[in-house]
C-alpha atoms as a PDB file:
ATOM      1  CA  MET A   1      87.860  55.914-157.353  1.00  0.00           C
ATOM      2  CA  VAL A   2      85.197  53.266-156.820  1.00  0.00           C
ATOM      3  CA  ASP A   3      87.630  51.356-154.600  1.00  0.00           C
ATOM      4  CA  SER A   4      87.927  54.310-152.227  1.00  0.00           C
ATOM      5  CA  VAL A   5      84.471  53.745-150.719  1.00  0.00           C
ATOM      6  CA  ALA A   6      83.104  50.770-148.813  1.00  0.00           C
ATOM      7  CA  ARG A   7      79.569  49.764-147.922  1.00  0.00           C
ATOM      8  CA  TRP A   8      78.616  51.065-144.500  1.00  0.00           C
ATOM      9  CA  GLY A   9      75.077  49.883-143.823  1.00  0.00           C
ATOM     10  CA  HIS A  10      72.003  51.812-144.853  1.00  0.00           C
ATOM     11  CA  GLY A  11      70.469  55.227-144.376  1.00  0.00           C
ATOM     12  CA  ARG A  12      67.161  55.622-142.565  1.00  0.00           C
ATOM     13  CA  ALA A  13      64.033  54.252-144.209  1.00  0.00           C
ATOM     14  CA  ARG A  14      62.088  56.892-146.126  1.00  0.00           C
ATOM     15  CA  ILE A  15      58.542  56.920-147.432  1.00  0.00           C
ATOM     16  CA  VAL A  16      58.406  58.594-150.831  1.00  0.00           C
ATOM     17  CA  ARG A  17      55.278  59.475-152.827  1.00  0.00           C
ATOM     18  CA  SER A  18      55.059  58.174-156.360  1.00  0.00           C
ATOM     19  CA  VAL A  19      52.484  58.847-159.088  1.00  0.00           C
ATOM     20  CA  GLY A  20      48.884  58.622-157.859  1.00  0.00           C
ATOM     21  CA  VAL A  21      48.452  57.316-154.335  1.00  0.00           C
ATOM     22  CA  THR A  22      51.396  54.933-154.530  1.00  0.00           C
ATOM     23  CA  THR A  23      54.093  55.263-151.883  1.00  0.00           C
ATOM     24  CA  LEU A  24      57.498  53.636-151.815  1.00  0.00           C
ATOM     25  CA  THR A  25      59.515  52.740-148.757  1.00  0.00           C
ATOM     26  CA  VAL A  26      63.210  52.943-149.530  1.00  0.00           C
ATOM     27  CA  ARG A  27      66.277  52.358-147.420  1.00  0.00           C
ATOM     28  CA  PRO A  28      69.228  53.811-149.355  1.00  0.00           C
ATOM     29  CA  GLN A  29      72.749  52.399-149.227  1.00  0.00           C
ATOM     30  CA  ARG A  30      75.337  54.169-147.067  1.00  0.00           C
ATOM     31  CA  VAL A  31      79.039  54.149-147.980  1.00  0.00           C
ATOM     32  CA  ARG A  32      82.167  55.256-146.155  1.00  0.00           C
ATOM     33  CA  CYS A  33      85.217  56.882-147.714  1.00  0.00           C
ATOM     34  CA  ARG A  34      88.287  54.805-146.914  1.00  0.00           C
ATOM     35  CA  ASP A  35      90.543  57.855-147.156  1.00  0.00           C
ATOM     36  CA  CYS A  36      88.790  60.395-144.930  1.00  0.00           C
ATOM     37  CA  GLY A  37      86.182  58.304-143.077  1.00  0.00           C
ATOM     38  CA  ALA A  38      83.213  60.439-144.178  1.00  0.00           C
ATOM     39  CA  THR A  39      79.947  58.609-144.810  1.00  0.00           C
ATOM     40  CA  TYR A  40      77.487  59.270-147.629  1.00  0.00           C
ATOM     41  CA  VAL A  41      73.983  58.069-148.436  1.00  0.00           C
ATOM     42  CA  LEU A  42      73.606  57.017-152.072  1.00  0.00           C
ATOM     43  CA  LEU A  43      70.166  57.757-153.468  1.00  0.00           C
ATOM     44  CA  PRO A  44      68.827  55.934-156.514  1.00  0.00           C
ATOM     45  CA  THR A  45      68.041  58.135-159.527  1.00  0.00           C
ATOM     46  CA  ALA A  46      64.318  57.766-158.803  1.00  0.00           C
ATOM     47  CA  LEU A  47      64.784  59.922-155.679  1.00  0.00           C
ATOM     48  CA  GLN A  48      65.917  63.488-155.053  1.00  0.00           C
ATOM     49  CA  VAL A  49      67.648  64.905-151.998  1.00  0.00           C
ATOM     50  CA  ARG A  50      65.215  66.317-149.411  1.00  0.00           C
ATOM     51  CA  ARG A  51      62.129  65.581-151.525  1.00  0.00           C
ATOM     52  CA  ALA A  52      59.147  63.466-150.514  1.00  0.00           C
ATOM     53  CA  ASP A  53      58.206  62.853-154.169  1.00  0.00           C
ATOM     54  CA  THR A  54      59.937  60.690-156.763  1.00  0.00           C
ATOM     55  CA  THR A  55      61.859  62.203-159.669  1.00  0.00           C
ATOM     56  CA  GLU A  56      58.994  61.126-161.943  1.00  0.00           C
ATOM     57  CA  VAL A  57      56.451  63.143-159.932  1.00  0.00           C
ATOM     58  CA  ILE A  58      58.707  66.204-159.890  1.00  0.00           C
ATOM     59  CA  GLY A  59      59.129  65.951-163.669  1.00  0.00           C
ATOM     60  CA  ILE A  60      55.368  65.733-164.201  1.00  0.00           C
ATOM     61  CA  VAL A  61      54.805  68.775-161.977  1.00  0.00           C
ATOM     62  CA  LEU A  62      57.446  70.748-163.878  1.00  0.00           C
ATOM     63  CA  ALA A  63      55.832  69.794-167.201  1.00  0.00           C
ATOM     64  CA  TYR A  64      52.423  70.983-165.943  1.00  0.00           C
ATOM     65  CA  THR A  65      54.041  74.217-164.771  1.00  0.00           C
ATOM     66  CA  ALA A  66      55.612  74.747-168.187  1.00  0.00           C
ATOM     67  CA  LYS A  67      52.101  74.460-169.643  1.00  0.00           C
ATOM     68  CA  GLY A  68      51.029  77.325-167.389  1.00  0.00           C
ATOM     69  CA  LEU A  69      49.053  75.440-164.740  1.00  0.00           C
ATOM     70  CA  GLY A  70      48.995  76.752-161.171  1.00  0.00           C
ATOM     71  CA  PHE A  71      49.747  74.750-158.042  1.00  0.00           C
ATOM     72  CA  ARG A  72      46.062  74.181-157.222  1.00  0.00           C
ATOM     73  CA  SER A  73      45.226  72.654-160.597  1.00  0.00           C
ATOM     74  CA  ILE A  74      48.464  70.657-160.542  1.00  0.00           C
ATOM     75  CA  GLY A  75      47.541  69.324-157.101  1.00  0.00           C
ATOM     76  CA  GLU A  76      44.118  68.300-158.396  1.00  0.00           C
ATOM     77  CA  ARG A  77      45.613  66.520-161.420  1.00  0.00           C
ATOM     78  CA  MET A  78      48.158  64.748-159.239  1.00  0.00           C
ATOM     79  CA  GLY A  79      45.467  63.743-156.731  1.00  0.00           C
ATOM     80  CA  ARG A  80      47.089  65.622-153.874  1.00  0.00           C
ATOM     81  CA  PRO A  81      45.860  68.392-151.605  1.00  0.00           C
ATOM     82  CA  GLU A  82      47.697  71.697-151.921  1.00  0.00           C
ATOM     83  CA  SER A  83      48.947  71.223-148.361  1.00  0.00           C
ATOM     84  CA  THR A  84      51.348  68.504-149.595  1.00  0.00           C
ATOM     85  CA  GLY A  85      53.584  71.262-150.850  1.00  0.00           C
ATOM     86  CA  ILE A  86      53.508  71.028-154.617  1.00  0.00           C
ATOM     87  CA  ASP A  87      55.989  73.879-154.449  1.00  0.00           C
ATOM     88  CA  ARG A  88      58.155  73.157-157.468  1.00  0.00           C
ATOM     89  CA  ALA A  89      55.906  75.239-159.713  1.00  0.00           C
ATOM     90  CA  PRO A  90      57.300  78.646-158.614  1.00  0.00           C
ATOM     91  CA  LEU A  91      60.856  77.418-159.259  1.00  0.00           C
ATOM     92  CA  ALA A  92      60.006  76.595-162.864  1.00  0.00           C
ATOM     93  CA  ALA A  93      58.236  79.878-163.605  1.00  0.00           C
ATOM     94  CA  PRO A  94      60.013  81.920-166.310  1.00  0.00           C
ATOM     95  CA  ASP A  95      60.114  85.056-164.148  1.00  0.00           C
ATOM     96  CA  TYR A  96      61.879  83.146-161.344  1.00  0.00           C
ATOM     97  CA  TRP A  97      65.132  83.024-163.282  1.00  0.00           C
END
């Protein structure tokens, strides 16, 4: 199946927040299906679809949530204002599922 896709340039450049104040600028690879012509952007495992934070940051936030911390205290520990949308905490709450 690997032969059924071909490199097709890159996706748009994205700025992603990492741990602390570090930001990463990434330009993911785009591929095109040779069979149907559809194009896909391949994200590295360090990134998640439609998220401005790295997988590492999301994991840390989920771990803090599992310990019972709220989004304000998580934001303080991560060095981010609450307005950045540390919104993964409600999704990890036991009563959510």
